[in-house]
Protein backbone atom coordinates (compact mmCIF):
# COMPACT_ATOMS: atom_id res chain seq x y z
CA MET A 1 -68.46 28.58 78.23
CA LEU A 2 -68.03 25.16 79.70
CA ASP A 3 -67.72 21.87 77.82
CA ASP A 4 -71.27 20.88 79.07
CA GLY A 5 -72.73 24.00 77.51
CA ASP A 6 -73.24 25.77 80.84
CA LEU A 7 -71.97 29.42 81.07
CA LEU A 8 -70.06 30.89 84.08
CA MET A 9 -70.62 34.58 84.51
CA PRO A 10 -68.26 36.18 87.05
CA GLY A 11 -69.88 38.98 89.03
CA GLY A 12 -66.70 40.52 90.62
CA ASP A 13 -67.10 43.25 93.16
CA SER A 14 -70.66 44.17 92.10
CA SER A 15 -73.62 42.02 93.29
CA ALA A 16 -75.98 43.80 90.74
CA ILE A 17 -75.87 41.01 88.07
CA PHE A 18 -76.36 38.36 90.94
CA HIS A 19 -79.38 40.09 92.43
CA ALA A 20 -80.99 40.81 89.03
CA ALA A 21 -80.63 37.27 87.56
CA ALA A 22 -80.21 34.52 90.25
CA LEU A 23 -82.70 31.77 90.06
CA ARG A 24 -84.38 33.35 87.01
CA PRO A 25 -84.47 32.55 83.41
CA VAL A 26 -81.81 34.23 81.32
CA THR A 27 -80.81 34.60 77.78
CA ALA A 28 -77.08 35.07 76.66
CA GLU A 29 -76.06 35.91 73.11
CA PHE A 30 -72.73 35.96 71.58
CA SER A 31 -71.72 37.12 68.10
CA HIS A 32 -68.51 36.64 66.02
CA PHE A 33 -68.06 38.63 62.74
CA ASP A 34 -65.40 37.54 60.17
CA ARG A 35 -62.78 40.30 59.75
CA HIS A 36 -61.89 39.12 56.24
CA GLY A 37 -65.24 38.42 54.88
CA ALA A 38 -68.98 39.10 55.19
CA GLY A 39 -70.72 37.23 57.86
CA GLY A 40 -70.07 35.31 61.03
CA TRP A 41 -72.02 33.48 63.72
CA THR A 42 -74.48 34.44 66.51
CA ILE A 43 -75.04 31.92 69.37
CA THR A 44 -78.01 32.15 71.76
CA GLY A 45 -78.24 30.30 75.06
CA MET A 46 -81.32 30.18 77.33
CA GLY A 47 -81.47 28.64 80.77
CA ILE A 48 -81.83 29.37 84.54
CA ALA A 49 -79.08 31.31 86.40
CA TYR A 50 -77.94 29.83 89.57
CA PRO A 51 -75.31 31.16 92.10
CA MET A 52 -71.95 29.76 91.55
CA THR A 53 -70.90 27.14 94.11
CA TYR A 54 -67.42 26.34 95.30
CA PRO A 55 -66.81 23.68 92.56
CA ASP A 56 -67.75 26.28 89.78
CA HIS A 57 -64.81 28.40 91.09
CA ARG A 58 -62.55 25.40 90.47
CA VAL A 59 -63.48 24.85 86.82
CA PRO A 60 -60.39 25.15 84.78
CA VAL A 61 -61.61 28.09 82.74
CA MET A 62 -58.25 29.90 83.34
CA PRO A 63 -54.76 28.91 84.72
CA VAL A 64 -54.66 28.33 88.51
CA ALA A 65 -52.20 31.27 88.86
CA THR A 66 -54.57 33.58 87.06
CA ARG A 67 -57.51 32.41 89.20
CA GLN A 68 -55.62 32.90 92.32
CA ARG A 69 -54.60 36.59 91.46
CA ASN A 70 -58.10 37.29 90.43
CA ALA A 71 -60.15 35.25 93.03
CA THR A 72 -62.69 38.10 93.56
CA VAL A 73 -63.78 37.77 89.92
CA PHE A 74 -65.96 34.76 90.79
CA GLU A 75 -67.61 36.48 93.89
CA ASN A 76 -71.21 37.09 93.22
CA GLY A 77 -70.97 34.81 90.07
CA LEU A 78 -73.62 32.95 88.34
CA ARG A 79 -73.67 29.54 86.51
CA VAL A 80 -76.25 29.50 83.70
CA ARG A 81 -77.56 25.97 83.35
CA VAL A 82 -78.25 26.30 79.39
CA ALA A 83 -81.30 24.44 78.47
CA ARG A 84 -81.55 25.60 74.81
CA LEU A 85 -78.65 26.54 72.64
CA THR A 86 -79.18 27.78 69.07
CA GLY A 87 -76.93 29.31 66.61
CA HIS A 88 -77.16 30.81 63.12
CA ARG A 89 -74.83 32.01 60.52
CA THR A 90 -75.21 35.78 59.89
CA THR A 91 -74.51 37.79 56.71
CA GLY A 92 -73.23 41.19 56.47
CA GLU A 93 -72.29 43.77 59.21
CA PRO A 94 -74.17 44.02 62.32
CA ALA A 95 -76.60 47.01 62.92
CA VAL A 96 -75.01 48.74 65.86
CA PRO A 97 -77.20 51.47 67.35
CA ARG A 98 -75.69 54.89 67.91
CA GLN A 99 -74.42 55.31 71.42
CA ARG A 100 -76.58 57.52 73.67
CA ASP A 101 -75.16 60.73 74.87
CA GLY A 102 -77.47 61.17 77.75
CA ARG A 103 -79.57 63.98 76.10
CA SER A 104 -82.20 61.72 74.51
């Protein structure tokens, strides 16, 4: 997440996320649950996903040495220009569905 509210989504070696979301409206949701008490926060951002440009690769989201070692992490990446950002406090534990085993 950048200071202006935009979201960088690295694609790495796979171009699947790029082809699925580039130039389309997207929603990203992040949740944090307090380990020591009930509740937490859920943040939802909605906007348009654009292909990363060269200046996006230079955003100081990580130290320069780490960026150089992991340069391919930004290949096929997207920058979500967030138009609406909402958040709400949650109570209790999240309802996490059971993992699928491929039989159902």
